[in-house]
Protein backbone atom coordinates (compact mmCIF):
# COMPACT_ATOMS: atom_id res chain seq x y z
CA MET A 1 76.93 92.07 97.85
CA LEU A 2 80.31 93.99 95.85
CA ASP A 3 79.49 96.21 97.84
CA GLY A 4 80.87 94.95 100.55
CA PHE A 5 83.99 93.21 98.87
CA THR A 6 84.70 96.94 98.22
CA THR A 7 83.80 98.38 101.86
CA GLN A 8 85.80 94.87 102.99
CA ARG A 9 89.03 95.71 100.32
CA GLY A 10 88.33 91.84 98.83
CA ALA A 11 88.18 90.15 102.06
CA ALA A 12 85.69 87.39 102.48
CA GLY A 13 86.40 86.62 105.83
CA ARG A 14 85.17 90.03 106.80
CA VAL A 15 82.34 90.16 104.35
CA ALA A 16 80.87 86.48 105.71
CA TRP A 17 81.20 87.84 109.28
CA ALA A 18 79.40 91.54 108.40
CA LEU A 19 76.62 89.36 106.89
CA GLY A 20 76.28 86.46 109.28
CA LEU A 21 77.33 83.90 107.52
CA SER A 22 80.25 81.33 107.52
CA PRO A 23 82.66 81.08 104.79
CA SER A 24 81.58 78.78 102.59
CA GLU A 25 78.11 80.16 102.46
CA LEU A 26 79.32 83.23 101.60
CA GLN A 27 81.15 81.38 98.94
CA ARG A 28 77.97 79.67 98.26
CA LEU A 29 75.77 83.69 98.21
CA VAL A 30 78.09 84.51 95.41
CA SER A 31 77.33 81.98 93.04
CA VAL A 32 73.94 81.57 93.08
CA LEU A 33 73.99 85.86 92.87
CA SER A 34 76.37 84.59 89.27
CA LEU A 35 78.50 86.67 91.07
CA THR A 36 82.18 84.78 91.49
CA GLU A 37 83.50 86.55 88.90
CA ASP A 38 82.97 89.90 89.77
CA VAL A 39 84.02 88.67 93.80
CA GLU A 40 87.91 87.09 92.46
CA ALA A 41 88.01 90.51 89.80
CA LEU A 42 87.28 92.83 92.85
CA ARG A 43 89.88 90.57 95.36
CA GLU A 44 92.47 90.82 92.45
CA ARG A 45 92.66 94.46 92.55
CA PHE A 46 93.33 94.14 96.47
CA ARG A 47 95.88 91.37 95.73
CA ARG A 48 97.55 93.81 93.08
CA GLU A 49 97.48 96.79 95.37
CA ALA A 50 98.82 95.46 98.77
CA LEU A 51 101.48 93.43 96.33
CA ALA A 52 102.48 96.34 94.43
CA THR A 53 102.38 99.53 96.94
CA PRO A 54 105.35 102.08 97.04
CA HIS A 55 104.89 103.19 99.98
CA LEU A 56 107.20 101.47 102.65
CA THR A 57 105.25 102.29 105.80
CA HIS A 58 101.73 100.95 104.13
CA ARG A 59 103.81 97.43 103.93
CA LEU A 60 104.95 97.68 106.70
CA ASP A 61 101.40 97.95 108.34
CA LEU A 62 99.82 95.68 106.39
CA LEU A 63 102.78 92.85 107.79
CA GLY A 64 100.61 93.45 110.72
CA ARG A 65 97.15 92.66 109.36
CA GLU A 66 98.00 88.52 108.78
CA LYS A 67 94.04 87.60 108.55
CA TYR A 68 93.38 89.85 105.74
CA LEU A 69 96.41 89.02 103.86
CA THR A 70 96.46 85.29 104.28
CA ASP A 71 92.39 85.85 102.98
CA LEU A 72 93.46 87.26 99.88
CA GLY A 73 96.04 84.83 99.61
CA ILE A 74 98.57 86.30 99.11
CA GLN A 75 100.84 86.32 103.04
CA LYS A 76 103.30 84.28 101.83
CA LYS A 77 104.49 85.91 99.12
CA PHE A 78 103.48 89.55 100.53
CA ALA A 79 106.38 88.92 103.47
CA ASP A 80 108.99 86.78 100.62
CA THR A 81 108.70 90.40 98.88
CA LEU A 82 109.06 92.57 102.03
CA ARG A 83 111.92 90.69 103.44
CA LYS A 84 113.77 90.89 99.89
CA GLU A 85 112.63 94.63 100.27
CA LEU A 86 114.08 95.54 103.77
CA GLU A 87 116.79 93.23 103.11
CA ARG A 88 118.25 95.32 100.47
CA LEU A 89 117.29 98.47 102.42
CA VAL A 90 119.49 97.03 105.11
CA GLY A 91 122.11 97.16 103.22
CA ASP A 92 122.25 101.04 102.26
CA VAL A 93 122.42 101.54 106.34
CA LEU A 94 124.03 98.88 108.65
CA HIS A 95 127.70 100.21 108.84
CA ASP A 96 125.30 103.79 110.61
CA ALA A 97 124.42 100.96 113.51
CA GLY A 98 125.48 99.22 116.21
CA ASP A 99 122.11 97.99 117.10
CA LEU A 100 118.72 96.83 115.33
CA HIS A 101 117.71 99.73 117.09
CA GLU A 102 119.47 101.80 115.52
CA LEU A 103 119.32 100.31 112.18
CA ALA A 104 115.16 100.49 112.31
CA ASP A 105 115.55 104.03 112.79
CA ALA A 106 117.88 104.91 110.39
CA VAL A 107 115.82 101.98 107.44
CA ALA A 108 113.30 104.11 109.44
CA ARG A 109 114.56 108.03 109.32
CA LYS A 110 116.05 107.12 104.93
CA HIS A 111 112.74 105.70 103.59
CA GLY A 112 110.23 107.78 106.19
CA ALA A 113 108.82 104.86 107.52
CA PRO A 114 108.04 104.25 111.91
CA SER A 115 111.26 103.00 113.06
CA GLU A 116 108.56 100.81 115.83
CA LEU A 117 106.68 99.18 112.21
CA VAL A 118 110.49 98.83 110.63
CA PHE A 119 111.58 97.09 114.09
CA ARG A 120 108.74 94.28 114.30
CA ALA A 121 108.53 93.40 110.53
CA PHE A 122 112.41 92.80 111.15
CA GLU A 123 111.25 90.26 114.44
CA ARG A 124 107.67 89.42 111.91
CA LEU A 125 109.92 88.43 108.60
CA GLY A 126 112.31 86.43 110.83
CA LEU A 127 115.41 88.82 109.93
CA ALA A 128 116.56 90.08 113.18
CA ASP A 129 118.72 87.57 114.14
CA GLY A 130 120.17 87.11 111.58
CA LEU A 131 120.58 91.33 111.05
CA ARG A 132 121.43 90.87 115.03
CA LYS A 133 124.92 88.89 113.65
CA GLN A 134 125.54 91.67 111.19
CA LEU A 135 125.51 94.13 113.63
CA LEU A 136 127.71 91.98 115.64
CA ALA A 137 130.01 91.16 113.12
CA GLY A 138 130.55 94.27 111.67
CA SER A 139 131.15 96.19 115.31
CA ARG A 140 134.49 93.80 116.03
């Protein structure tokens, strides 16, 4: 059981699916086996890891794994943290870009991340419209 949670990086939904159980059945089984504390400790480890990873590329990749983040119960916190980080990173290169793709390219180049993931993050995190307006205002 614990190996399943480790393999699935704490994702209870994936563990349940792999075992052919519903999430509530998995929860009952974990409780009956007296593994609740161990499972929660594993899940907490993966929560901390997801929230603390220093690599922008890894964080951008995790943003695309919304179900996983939701399963761990950190989707909103993760998105808020990444949004703030991207706003900070954008501030350093905003003056170098003419449009949103150029801005994504500049952030990506400076921080060693794939440009397409940066661009998608702008969209997913609701930053794109505001950044377009800033870019437009800066070009005048």
